Amino acid sequence: MLIQIDGQNRRPWAVGSRKAILDAATEEIALNGFRYARIGDIADRANMTPGSIYTWFKNKEVLFRVALEEALDAQLAANIESLSKIEDLKNTPWLLKIAALLPRSNADNQPTAAQVMLIEGYYVSWRGKAKEKTFLPRLEQHFASYQKVIDDAVASGEINSDIDPQLIAMLLLAIPTGLALLQFSGLPRVPDSSWVPVYQALATMLSPKK
């Protein structure tokens, strides 16, 4: 029995090999970046030979594109799941919904692969114009998760309707994105607890005046 995977006929058991390669590629890109990750190192991580990887992916460019696509899709799915769980709870503050979209938690002591892949997705969309059609729509969907939370908060009266909701969503996405870049550059991570009063103050500023 054969199944179609990436346009090719494969045995069903071969799906595991593809996943192992993509997991290894994600780890390597997260460690060394899109530009400096190497097929040989990915093969070592996956306990395969470079030749085995090329039976699945035409070249490094294709492998990295697929790895980035799947990582971004996984983050989008995680966002949808997180919001659906929180929205089942009535009267959940909008800031908690925003927090649910962050690709990390208090237990993370270093940047997560999800964070790195998001940053790489932004980089590739910026520097690789030919890839905009692939990555930009996914990044727009990621931003749309933030936009929906803010739009809902404005509609429910939690946020002042006089302030541009798109601007608020961009600001709230830019904060973790910018912090991730700073940490990737070697600056220390600010403890999550330190951000609690900052976000509380922000929520107060954005609340309708009584």
N, C-alpha and C. Protein backbone atom coordinates (compact mmCIF):
# COMPACT_ATOMS: atom_id res chain seq x y z
N MET A 1 0.84 -1.19 0.00
CA MET A 1 0.00 0.00 0.00
C MET A 1 0.88 1.25 0.00
N LEU A 2 0.57 2.18 -0.91
CA LEU A 2 1.33 3.42 -1.01
C LEU A 2 0.42 4.61 -0.70
N ILE A 3 1.00 5.66 -0.15
CA ILE A 3 0.27 6.89 0.09
C ILE A 3 1.05 8.05 -0.51
N GLN A 4 0.34 9.13 -0.82
CA GLN A 4 0.98 10.31 -1.40
C GLN A 4 1.49 11.21 -0.29
N ILE A 5 2.79 11.50 -0.30
CA ILE A 5 3.40 12.43 0.64
C ILE A 5 4.29 13.36 -0.16
N ASP A 6 4.00 14.65 -0.10
CA ASP A 6 4.78 15.65 -0.85
C ASP A 6 4.82 15.32 -2.34
N GLY A 7 3.71 14.79 -2.85
CA GLY A 7 3.62 14.51 -4.28
C GLY A 7 4.31 13.23 -4.72
N GLN A 8 4.78 12.42 -3.76
CA GLN A 8 5.47 11.18 -4.11
C GLN A 8 4.78 10.00 -3.43
N ASN A 9 4.85 8.83 -4.06
CA ASN A 9 4.30 7.61 -3.48
C ASN A 9 5.27 7.08 -2.43
N ARG A 10 4.76 6.87 -1.22
CA ARG A 10 5.59 6.40 -0.12
C ARG A 10 4.88 5.30 0.64
N ARG A 11 5.66 4.46 1.31
CA ARG A 11 5.09 3.50 2.24
C ARG A 11 4.61 4.23 3.48
N PRO A 12 3.49 3.81 4.09
CA PRO A 12 2.98 4.51 5.27
C PRO A 12 4.00 4.64 6.39
N TRP A 13 4.84 3.62 6.59
CA TRP A 13 5.80 3.68 7.68
C TRP A 13 6.86 4.76 7.46
N ALA A 14 6.99 5.22 6.22
CA ALA A 14 8.02 6.22 5.92
C ALA A 14 7.68 7.59 6.48
N VAL A 15 6.42 7.79 6.90
CA VAL A 15 6.02 9.08 7.46
C VAL A 15 6.89 9.43 8.67
N GLY A 16 7.28 8.41 9.43
CA GLY A 16 8.12 8.64 10.60
C GLY A 16 9.47 9.22 10.23
N SER A 17 10.02 8.79 9.10
CA SER A 17 11.31 9.31 8.65
C SER A 17 11.20 10.79 8.29
N ARG A 18 10.12 11.12 7.62
CA ARG A 18 9.93 12.53 7.25
C ARG A 18 9.81 13.40 8.49
N LYS A 19 9.04 12.93 9.47
CA LYS A 19 8.88 13.70 10.71
C LYS A 19 10.21 13.84 11.45
N ALA A 20 11.00 12.78 11.47
CA ALA A 20 12.30 12.83 12.15
C ALA A 20 13.21 13.87 11.49
N ILE A 21 13.17 13.93 10.16
CA ILE A 21 13.99 14.90 9.43
C ILE A 21 13.53 16.33 9.74
N LEU A 22 12.22 16.56 9.71
CA LEU A 22 11.70 17.90 9.96
C LEU A 22 11.92 18.33 11.41
N ASP A 23 11.79 17.39 12.35
CA ASP A 23 12.08 17.72 13.75
C ASP A 23 13.55 18.11 13.92
N ALA A 24 14.41 17.34 13.26
CA ALA A 24 15.84 17.63 13.34
C ALA A 24 16.16 18.98 12.67
N ALA A 25 15.50 19.26 11.55
CA ALA A 25 15.72 20.53 10.87
C ALA A 25 15.26 21.70 11.74
N THR A 26 14.13 21.52 12.41
CA THR A 26 13.62 22.56 13.30
C THR A 26 14.61 22.84 14.43
N GLU A 27 15.13 21.78 15.03
CA GLU A 27 16.11 21.94 16.11
C GLU A 27 17.38 22.64 15.62
N GLU A 28 17.82 22.26 14.42
CA GLU A 28 19.05 22.84 13.88
C GLU A 28 18.84 24.30 13.51
N ILE A 29 17.71 24.62 12.91
CA ILE A 29 17.43 26.01 12.57
C ILE A 29 17.30 26.84 13.85
N ALA A 30 16.64 26.26 14.87
CA ALA A 30 16.49 26.97 16.15
C ALA A 30 17.84 27.25 16.78
N LEU A 31 18.80 26.34 16.59
CA LEU A 31 20.12 26.51 17.19
C LEU A 31 21.02 27.44 16.39
N ASN A 32 21.03 27.28 15.08
CA ASN A 32 22.01 27.99 14.25
C ASN A 32 21.41 28.99 13.26
N GLY A 33 20.08 29.04 13.16
CA GLY A 33 19.47 29.96 12.22
C GLY A 33 19.31 29.36 10.84
N PHE A 34 18.40 29.94 10.08
CA PHE A 34 18.07 29.46 8.73
C PHE A 34 19.29 29.44 7.82
N ARG A 35 20.10 30.48 7.92
CA ARG A 35 21.24 30.62 6.98
C ARG A 35 22.37 29.65 7.28
N TYR A 36 22.55 29.28 8.55
CA TYR A 36 23.75 28.55 8.93
C TYR A 36 23.50 27.08 9.28
N ALA A 37 22.25 26.65 9.28
CA ALA A 37 21.96 25.24 9.53
C ALA A 37 22.48 24.41 8.35
N ARG A 38 22.97 23.20 8.64
CA ARG A 38 23.59 22.36 7.59
C ARG A 38 22.90 21.01 7.52
N ILE A 39 22.83 20.51 6.29
CA ILE A 39 22.20 19.21 6.05
C ILE A 39 22.91 18.10 6.83
N GLY A 40 24.24 18.14 6.87
CA GLY A 40 25.00 17.11 7.58
C GLY A 40 24.65 17.06 9.05
N ASP A 41 24.50 18.22 9.67
CA ASP A 41 24.15 18.27 11.09
C ASP A 41 22.72 17.80 11.32
N ILE A 42 21.84 18.13 10.39
CA ILE A 42 20.45 17.67 10.49
C ILE A 42 20.40 16.15 10.38
N ALA A 43 21.18 15.60 9.45
CA ALA A 43 21.23 14.14 9.30
C ALA A 43 21.71 13.47 10.58
N ASP A 44 22.72 14.06 11.22
CA ASP A 44 23.22 13.50 12.48
C ASP A 44 22.14 13.52 13.55
N ARG A 45 21.41 14.61 13.64
CA ARG A 45 20.35 14.71 14.63
C ARG A 45 19.27 13.67 14.41
N ALA A 46 18.98 13.40 13.14
CA ALA A 46 17.91 12.46 12.78
C ALA A 46 18.40 11.02 12.71
N ASN A 47 19.71 10.79 12.98
CA ASN A 47 20.32 9.45 12.85
C ASN A 47 20.11 8.88 11.46
N MET A 48 20.35 9.73 10.47
CA MET A 48 20.22 9.34 9.07
C MET A 48 21.45 9.80 8.31
N THR A 49 21.50 9.43 7.06
CA THR A 49 22.56 9.93 6.19
C THR A 49 22.03 11.13 5.41
N PRO A 50 22.92 12.02 4.95
CA PRO A 50 22.45 13.13 4.11
C PRO A 50 21.69 12.62 2.89
N GLY A 51 22.13 11.49 2.34
CA GLY A 51 21.44 10.94 1.17
C GLY A 51 19.99 10.61 1.46
N SER A 52 19.72 10.12 2.68
CA SER A 52 18.34 9.79 3.05
C SER A 52 17.46 11.04 3.05
N ILE A 53 18.05 12.14 3.48
CA ILE A 53 17.29 13.39 3.50
C ILE A 53 16.93 13.83 2.09
N TYR A 54 17.87 13.65 1.17
CA TYR A 54 17.62 14.09 -0.21
C TYR A 54 16.59 13.22 -0.92
N THR A 55 16.29 12.04 -0.39
CA THR A 55 15.21 11.25 -0.99
C THR A 55 13.85 11.86 -0.66
N TRP A 56 13.83 12.70 0.36
CA TRP A 56 12.60 13.36 0.77
C TRP A 56 12.52 14.80 0.29
N PHE A 57 13.65 15.48 0.33
CA PHE A 57 13.67 16.91 0.01
C PHE A 57 14.75 17.17 -1.03
N LYS A 58 14.36 17.90 -2.06
CA LYS A 58 15.24 18.12 -3.21
C LYS A 58 16.55 18.76 -2.82
N ASN A 59 16.51 19.71 -1.90
CA ASN A 59 17.72 20.41 -1.48
C ASN A 59 17.48 21.06 -0.12
N LYS A 60 18.49 21.71 0.39
CA LYS A 60 18.41 22.37 1.69
C LYS A 60 17.31 23.43 1.72
N GLU A 61 17.18 24.17 0.63
CA GLU A 61 16.18 25.22 0.56
C GLU A 61 14.77 24.67 0.75
N VAL A 62 14.47 23.56 0.06
CA VAL A 62 13.14 22.96 0.16
C VAL A 62 12.90 22.42 1.57
N LEU A 63 13.90 21.73 2.12
CA LEU A 63 13.78 21.20 3.48
C LEU A 63 13.48 22.30 4.48
N PHE A 64 14.23 23.39 4.42
CA PHE A 64 14.05 24.46 5.38
C PHE A 64 12.72 25.16 5.18
N ARG A 65 12.29 25.28 3.92
CA ARG A 65 10.99 25.90 3.67
C ARG A 65 9.88 25.08 4.30
N VAL A 66 9.92 23.77 4.09
CA VAL A 66 8.88 22.90 4.65
C VAL A 66 8.93 22.91 6.18
N ALA A 67 10.14 22.89 6.75
CA ALA A 67 10.29 22.91 8.21
C ALA A 67 9.69 24.19 8.79
N LEU A 68 9.96 25.32 8.15
CA LEU A 68 9.41 26.59 8.61
C LEU A 68 7.89 26.62 8.46
N GLU A 69 7.40 26.14 7.32
CA GLU A 69 5.96 26.11 7.09
C GLU A 69 5.26 25.31 8.18
N GLU A 70 5.79 24.12 8.47
CA GLU A 70 5.13 23.25 9.43
C GLU A 70 5.24 23.80 10.84
N ALA A 71 6.36 24.44 11.16
CA ALA A 71 6.52 25.04 12.48
C ALA A 71 5.53 26.19 12.67
N LEU A 72 5.36 27.01 11.64
CA LEU A 72 4.41 28.12 11.72
C LEU A 72 2.99 27.59 11.80
N ASP A 73 2.68 26.54 11.04
CA ASP A 73 1.34 25.95 11.09
C ASP A 73 1.06 25.38 12.48
N ALA A 74 2.08 24.77 13.09
CA ALA A 74 1.91 24.20 14.43
C ALA A 74 1.64 25.31 15.44
N GLN A 75 2.31 26.46 15.29
CA GLN A 75 2.07 27.58 16.20
C GLN A 75 0.66 28.14 16.01
N LEU A 76 0.21 28.23 14.77
CA LEU A 76 -1.14 28.71 14.52
C LEU A 76 -2.18 27.77 15.14
N ALA A 77 -1.95 26.47 15.00
CA ALA A 77 -2.87 25.49 15.59
C ALA A 77 -2.88 25.60 17.11
N ALA A 78 -1.69 25.83 17.68
CA ALA A 78 -1.60 25.99 19.14
C ALA A 78 -2.35 27.24 19.59
N ASN A 79 -2.26 28.31 18.82
CA ASN A 79 -2.98 29.54 19.15
C ASN A 79 -4.49 29.31 19.16
N ILE A 80 -4.96 28.63 18.13
CA ILE A 80 -6.40 28.36 18.02
C ILE A 80 -6.87 27.51 19.19
N GLU A 81 -6.09 26.49 19.53
CA GLU A 81 -6.45 25.60 20.64
C GLU A 81 -6.45 26.36 21.97
N SER A 82 -5.42 27.19 22.18
CA SER A 82 -5.33 27.95 23.42
C SER A 82 -6.51 28.89 23.59
N LEU A 83 -6.85 29.60 22.51
CA LEU A 83 -7.96 30.54 22.59
C LEU A 83 -9.29 29.83 22.79
N SER A 84 -9.46 28.68 22.15
CA SER A 84 -10.72 27.95 22.29
C SER A 84 -10.92 27.47 23.72
N LYS A 85 -9.83 27.07 24.37
CA LYS A 85 -9.93 26.62 25.76
C LYS A 85 -10.27 27.78 26.70
N ILE A 86 -9.60 28.92 26.47
CA ILE A 86 -9.83 30.06 27.34
C ILE A 86 -11.21 30.66 27.12
N GLU A 87 -11.68 30.67 25.89
CA GLU A 87 -12.96 31.29 25.60
C GLU A 87 -14.12 30.49 26.17
N ASP A 88 -13.85 29.22 26.56
CA ASP A 88 -14.87 28.43 27.23
C ASP A 88 -15.12 28.94 28.65
N LEU A 89 -14.16 29.72 29.18
CA LEU A 89 -14.30 30.29 30.52
C LEU A 89 -14.86 31.70 30.40
N LYS A 90 -15.96 31.95 31.04
CA LYS A 90 -16.60 33.25 30.92
C LYS A 90 -15.80 34.32 31.66
N ASN A 91 -15.87 35.51 31.11
CA ASN A 91 -15.26 36.68 31.75
C ASN A 91 -13.74 36.57 31.88
N THR A 92 -13.08 35.86 30.97
CA THR A 92 -11.63 35.79 30.98
C THR A 92 -11.06 37.12 30.49
N PRO A 93 -10.20 37.79 31.27
CA PRO A 93 -9.62 39.06 30.82
C PRO A 93 -8.86 38.91 29.50
N TRP A 94 -8.93 39.94 28.69
CA TRP A 94 -8.31 39.85 27.37
C TRP A 94 -6.80 39.66 27.46
N LEU A 95 -6.15 40.16 28.51
CA LEU A 95 -4.71 40.00 28.65
C LEU A 95 -4.32 38.53 28.83
N LEU A 96 -5.17 37.75 29.48
CA LEU A 96 -4.89 36.32 29.63
C LEU A 96 -4.98 35.62 28.29
N LYS A 97 -5.87 36.09 27.44
CA LYS A 97 -5.97 35.51 26.10
C LYS A 97 -4.72 35.83 25.28
N ILE A 98 -4.21 37.05 25.42
CA ILE A 98 -2.97 37.42 24.74
C ILE A 98 -1.82 36.55 25.25
N ALA A 99 -1.76 36.35 26.56
CA ALA A 99 -0.70 35.54 27.15
C ALA A 99 -0.73 34.12 26.61
N ALA A 100 -1.92 33.62 26.29
CA ALA A 100 -2.05 32.26 25.78
C ALA A 100 -1.45 32.10 24.39
N LEU A 101 -1.23 33.21 23.70
CA LEU A 101 -0.69 33.15 22.34
C LEU A 101 0.84 33.12 22.32
N LEU A 102 1.49 33.38 23.46
CA LEU A 102 2.94 33.42 23.48
C LEU A 102 3.52 32.01 23.33
N PRO A 103 4.52 31.84 22.47
CA PRO A 103 5.09 30.51 22.25
C PRO A 103 6.14 30.13 23.29
N ARG A 104 5.84 30.32 24.56
CA ARG A 104 6.74 29.93 25.64
C ARG A 104 5.96 29.97 26.95
N SER A 105 6.57 29.51 28.01
CA SER A 105 5.92 29.53 29.31
C SER A 105 6.95 29.88 30.37
N ASN A 106 6.51 29.98 31.61
CA ASN A 106 7.42 30.32 32.70
C ASN A 106 8.52 29.28 32.87
N ALA A 107 8.24 28.04 32.45
CA ALA A 107 9.20 26.95 32.65
C ALA A 107 10.35 27.00 31.66
N ASP A 108 10.22 27.78 30.60
CA ASP A 108 11.28 27.86 29.59
C ASP A 108 12.42 28.71 30.10
N ASN A 109 13.63 28.15 30.10
CA ASN A 109 14.78 28.94 30.56
C ASN A 109 15.62 29.44 29.40
N GLN A 110 15.14 29.23 28.19
CA GLN A 110 15.82 29.73 27.00
C GLN A 110 14.80 29.84 25.88
N PRO A 111 15.14 30.54 24.79
CA PRO A 111 14.18 30.67 23.69
C PRO A 111 13.73 29.29 23.19
N THR A 112 12.45 29.17 22.93
CA THR A 112 11.92 27.90 22.44
C THR A 112 12.09 27.82 20.92
N ALA A 113 12.00 26.58 20.41
CA ALA A 113 12.07 26.39 18.97
C ALA A 113 10.95 27.15 18.27
N ALA A 114 9.76 27.19 18.91
CA ALA A 114 8.63 27.91 18.32
C ALA A 114 8.95 29.40 18.16
N GLN A 115 9.56 29.98 19.18
CA GLN A 115 9.96 31.39 19.09
C GLN A 115 10.94 31.61 17.95
N VAL A 116 11.95 30.76 17.91
CA VAL A 116 12.98 30.92 16.89
C VAL A 116 12.39 30.79 15.49
N MET A 117 11.52 29.80 15.30
CA MET A 117 10.96 29.59 13.98
C MET A 117 10.06 30.75 13.56
N LEU A 118 9.37 31.35 14.52
CA LEU A 118 8.57 32.53 14.19
C LEU A 118 9.47 33.67 13.72
N ILE A 119 10.56 33.89 14.45
CA ILE A 119 11.50 34.94 14.07
C ILE A 119 12.11 34.63 12.70
N GLU A 120 12.46 33.37 12.47
CA GLU A 120 13.01 32.99 11.16
C GLU A 120 11.98 33.21 10.06
N GLY A 121 10.71 32.94 10.37
CA GLY A 121 9.66 33.18 9.38
C GLY A 121 9.56 34.65 9.00
N TYR A 122 9.67 35.54 10.01
CA TYR A 122 9.67 36.98 9.72
C TYR A 122 10.89 37.36 8.89
N TYR A 123 12.03 36.78 9.25
CA TYR A 123 13.27 37.11 8.53
C TYR A 123 13.18 36.69 7.07
N VAL A 124 12.71 35.46 6.85
CA VAL A 124 12.64 34.96 5.47
C VAL A 124 11.64 35.77 4.65
N SER A 125 10.53 36.15 5.26
CA SER A 125 9.55 36.96 4.53
C SER A 125 10.11 38.33 4.18
N TRP A 126 10.96 38.84 5.06
CA TRP A 126 11.56 40.15 4.84
C TRP A 126 12.66 40.09 3.80
N ARG A 127 13.56 39.13 3.93
CA ARG A 127 14.74 39.06 3.08
C ARG A 127 14.52 38.25 1.81
N GLY A 128 13.61 37.29 1.86
CA GLY A 128 13.40 36.42 0.71
C GLY A 128 12.09 36.74 0.02
N LYS A 129 12.09 37.70 -0.84
CA LYS A 129 10.86 38.17 -1.46
C LYS A 129 10.12 37.06 -2.21
N ALA A 130 10.88 36.10 -2.77
CA ALA A 130 10.23 35.02 -3.51
C ALA A 130 9.42 34.12 -2.60
N LYS A 131 9.65 34.19 -1.29
CA LYS A 131 8.97 33.31 -0.34
C LYS A 131 7.81 34.01 0.37
N GLU A 132 7.53 35.24 0.00
CA GLU A 132 6.47 35.98 0.69
C GLU A 132 5.13 35.26 0.60
N LYS A 133 4.84 34.65 -0.54
CA LYS A 133 3.56 33.98 -0.72
C LYS A 133 3.45 32.76 0.19
N THR A 134 4.58 32.21 0.58
CA THR A 134 4.56 31.03 1.44
C THR A 134 4.44 31.40 2.90
N PHE A 135 5.27 32.33 3.36
CA PHE A 135 5.36 32.61 4.78
C PHE A 135 4.47 33.77 5.24
N LEU A 136 4.34 34.80 4.42
CA LEU A 136 3.59 35.97 4.85
C LEU A 136 2.15 35.64 5.25
N PRO A 137 1.42 34.81 4.48
CA PRO A 137 0.06 34.49 4.91
C PRO A 137 0.00 33.82 6.28
N ARG A 138 0.99 33.00 6.59
CA ARG A 138 1.02 32.35 7.91
C ARG A 138 1.29 33.37 9.01
N LEU A 139 2.19 34.30 8.75
CA LEU A 139 2.49 35.34 9.73
C LEU A 139 1.29 36.27 9.90
N GLU A 140 0.56 36.50 8.83
CA GLU A 140 -0.65 37.32 8.92
C GLU A 140 -1.71 36.62 9.77
N GLN A 141 -1.78 35.30 9.65
CA GLN A 141 -2.71 34.55 10.49
C GLN A 141 -2.31 34.62 11.96
N HIS A 142 -1.01 34.57 12.21
CA HIS A 142 -0.52 34.69 13.58
C HIS A 142 -0.92 36.05 14.16
N PHE A 143 -0.72 37.10 13.39
CA PHE A 143 -1.13 38.43 13.84
C PHE A 143 -2.64 38.51 14.02
N ALA A 144 -3.38 37.81 13.16
CA ALA A 144 -4.85 37.84 13.24
C ALA A 144 -5.35 37.27 14.57
N SER A 145 -4.57 36.35 15.17
CA SER A 145 -4.95 35.82 16.48
C SER A 145 -4.96 36.93 17.52
N TYR A 146 -3.95 37.80 17.46
CA TYR A 146 -3.88 38.94 18.37
C TYR A 146 -4.99 39.94 18.05
N GLN A 147 -5.20 40.17 16.78
CA GLN A 147 -6.22 41.13 16.36
C GLN A 147 -7.61 40.71 16.85
N LYS A 148 -7.91 39.43 16.78
CA LYS A 148 -9.22 38.94 17.21
C LYS A 148 -9.44 39.19 18.70
N VAL A 149 -8.40 38.92 19.50
CA VAL A 149 -8.52 39.15 20.94
C VAL A 149 -8.83 40.62 21.23
N ILE A 150 -8.11 41.50 20.55
CA ILE A 150 -8.31 42.94 20.78
C ILE A 150 -9.67 43.39 20.26
N ASP A 151 -10.05 42.94 19.08
CA ASP A 151 -11.37 43.30 18.54
C ASP A 151 -12.48 42.87 19.48
N ASP A 152 -12.38 41.66 20.03
CA ASP A 152 -13.39 41.16 20.96
C ASP A 152 -13.41 42.00 22.24
N ALA A 153 -12.21 42.41 22.70
CA ALA A 153 -12.13 43.22 23.92
C ALA A 153 -12.74 44.59 23.70
N VAL A 154 -12.55 45.15 22.53
CA VAL A 154 -13.16 46.45 22.21
C VAL A 154 -14.68 46.30 22.16
N ALA A 155 -15.14 45.23 21.51
CA ALA A 155 -16.58 45.00 21.37
C ALA A 155 -17.26 44.79 22.73
N SER A 156 -16.54 44.17 23.67
CA SER A 156 -17.11 43.90 24.98
C SER A 156 -16.95 45.07 25.95
N GLY A 157 -16.26 46.13 25.51
CA GLY A 157 -16.09 47.29 26.35
C GLY A 157 -14.90 47.22 27.29
N GLU A 158 -14.02 46.23 27.12
CA GLU A 158 -12.84 46.12 27.97
C GLU A 158 -11.75 47.10 27.56
N ILE A 159 -11.73 47.46 26.27
CA ILE A 159 -10.71 48.36 25.73
C ILE A 159 -11.39 49.57 25.11
N ASN A 160 -10.79 50.71 25.30
CA ASN A 160 -11.29 51.97 24.77
C ASN A 160 -11.39 51.90 23.24
N SER A 161 -12.57 52.14 22.73
CA SER A 161 -12.80 52.05 21.28
C SER A 161 -12.18 53.21 20.52
N ASP A 162 -11.71 54.24 21.23
CA ASP A 162 -11.08 55.38 20.56
C ASP A 162 -9.66 55.07 20.09
N ILE A 163 -9.08 53.99 20.62
CA ILE A 163 -7.71 53.60 20.25
C ILE A 163 -7.77 52.58 19.14
N ASP A 164 -6.92 52.74 18.14
CA ASP A 164 -6.90 51.85 16.98
C ASP A 164 -6.61 50.41 17.44
N PRO A 165 -7.55 49.47 17.29
CA PRO A 165 -7.33 48.10 17.77
C PRO A 165 -6.20 47.39 17.03
N GLN A 166 -6.01 47.72 15.75
CA GLN A 166 -4.92 47.09 15.00
C GLN A 166 -3.57 47.52 15.57
N LEU A 167 -3.47 48.78 15.96
CA LEU A 167 -2.23 49.28 16.55
C LEU A 167 -1.94 48.56 17.88
N ILE A 168 -2.98 48.36 18.70
CA ILE A 168 -2.80 47.65 19.97
C ILE A 168 -2.33 46.23 19.72
N ALA A 169 -2.95 45.55 18.75
CA ALA A 169 -2.56 44.17 18.43
C ALA A 169 -1.12 44.11 17.97
N MET A 170 -0.72 45.05 17.13
CA MET A 170 0.66 45.08 16.65
C MET A 170 1.64 45.30 17.79
N LEU A 171 1.28 46.20 18.70
CA LEU A 171 2.14 46.49 19.84
C LEU A 171 2.31 45.25 20.71
N LEU A 172 1.23 44.54 20.97
CA LEU A 172 1.29 43.36 21.83
C LEU A 172 2.02 42.20 21.17
N LEU A 173 2.00 42.14 19.85
CA LEU A 173 2.79 41.13 19.13
C LEU A 173 4.25 41.54 19.09
N ALA A 174 4.49 42.85 18.95
CA ALA A 174 5.87 43.34 18.83
C ALA A 174 6.65 43.17 20.13
N ILE A 175 5.98 43.24 21.27
CA ILE A 175 6.70 43.13 22.55
C ILE A 175 7.39 41.78 22.68
N PRO A 176 6.69 40.64 22.59
CA PRO A 176 7.39 39.35 22.72
C PRO A 176 8.35 39.08 21.56
N THR A 177 8.00 39.57 20.37
CA THR A 177 8.88 39.37 19.22
C THR A 177 10.19 40.11 19.42
N GLY A 178 10.09 41.37 19.84
CA GLY A 178 11.29 42.16 20.10
C GLY A 178 12.12 41.62 21.25
N LEU A 179 11.44 41.18 22.31
CA LEU A 179 12.16 40.61 23.45
C LEU A 179 12.90 39.33 23.05
N ALA A 180 12.26 38.52 22.19
CA ALA A 180 12.92 37.31 21.72
C ALA A 180 14.19 37.65 20.95
N LEU A 181 14.12 38.66 20.08
CA LEU A 181 15.30 39.08 19.33
C LEU A 181 16.41 39.55 20.25
N LEU A 182 16.04 40.32 21.27
CA LEU A 182 17.04 40.80 22.22
C LEU A 182 17.71 39.64 22.95
N GLN A 183 16.90 38.65 23.34
CA GLN A 183 17.48 37.52 24.05
C GLN A 183 18.35 36.68 23.12
N PHE A 184 17.91 36.51 21.87
CA PHE A 184 18.73 35.77 20.91
C PHE A 184 20.08 36.45 20.74
N SER A 185 20.10 37.78 20.90
CA SER A 185 21.34 38.53 20.74
C SER A 185 22.26 38.43 21.95
N GLY A 186 21.76 37.85 23.02
CA GLY A 186 22.60 37.64 24.20
C GLY A 186 22.23 38.44 25.42
N LEU A 187 21.23 39.31 25.30
CA LEU A 187 20.80 40.07 26.47
C LEU A 187 20.01 39.16 27.41
N PRO A 188 20.03 39.46 28.70
CA PRO A 188 19.35 38.58 29.66
C PRO A 188 17.84 38.63 29.51
N ARG A 189 17.20 37.54 29.88
CA ARG A 189 15.74 37.47 29.84
C ARG A 189 15.17 38.12 31.09
N VAL A 190 14.21 39.00 30.89
CA VAL A 190 13.52 39.62 32.02
C VAL A 190 12.52 38.61 32.59
N PRO A 191 12.52 38.38 33.89
CA PRO A 191 11.58 37.41 34.48
C PRO A 191 10.13 37.77 34.13
N ASP A 192 9.34 36.75 33.88
CA ASP A 192 7.95 36.98 33.51
C ASP A 192 7.20 37.77 34.59
N SER A 193 7.54 37.52 35.87
CA SER A 193 6.86 38.21 36.96
C SER A 193 7.04 39.72 36.89
N SER A 194 8.16 40.16 36.31
CA SER A 194 8.42 41.60 36.20
C SER A 194 7.47 42.27 35.21
N TRP A 195 6.91 41.48 34.30
CA TRP A 195 6.03 42.04 33.29
C TRP A 195 4.60 42.18 33.77
N VAL A 196 4.26 41.49 34.86
CA VAL A 196 2.87 41.52 35.34
C VAL A 196 2.40 42.95 35.62
N PRO A 197 3.12 43.76 36.42
CA PRO A 197 2.64 45.13 36.66
C PRO A 197 2.66 45.99 35.39
N VAL A 198 3.57 45.69 34.47
CA VAL A 198 3.63 46.47 33.22
C VAL A 198 2.36 46.22 32.40
N TYR A 199 1.99 44.96 32.25
CA TYR A 199 0.79 44.65 31.48
C TYR A 199 -0.47 45.10 32.21
N GLN A 200 -0.46 45.03 33.53
CA GLN A 200 -1.61 45.54 34.29
C GLN A 200 -1.79 47.04 34.07
N ALA A 201 -0.67 47.75 34.06
CA ALA A 201 -0.73 49.19 33.81
C ALA A 201 -1.22 49.47 32.39
N LEU A 202 -0.76 48.65 31.44
CA LEU A 202 -1.21 48.80 30.05
C LEU A 202 -2.71 48.57 29.94
N ALA A 203 -3.19 47.54 30.62
CA ALA A 203 -4.63 47.24 30.58
C ALA A 203 -5.42 48.39 31.17
N THR A 204 -4.91 48.99 32.23
CA THR A 204 -5.59 50.13 32.84
C THR A 204 -5.63 51.31 31.90
N MET A 205 -4.52 51.57 31.21
CA MET A 205 -4.46 52.67 30.26
C MET A 205 -5.42 52.49 29.11
N LEU A 206 -5.61 51.25 28.70
CA LEU A 206 -6.47 50.97 27.53
C LEU A 206 -7.94 50.86 27.90
N SER A 207 -8.23 50.79 29.19
CA SER A 207 -9.63 50.66 29.62
C SER A 207 -10.39 51.94 29.35
N PRO A 208 -11.68 51.82 29.06
CA PRO A 208 -12.51 53.03 28.86
C PRO A 208 -12.51 53.90 30.12
N LYS A 209 -12.47 55.18 29.93
CA LYS A 209 -12.49 56.10 31.05
C LYS A 209 -13.91 56.13 31.67
N LYS A 210 -13.94 56.06 32.99
CA LYS A 210 -15.23 56.06 33.67
C LYS A 210 -15.53 57.45 34.25
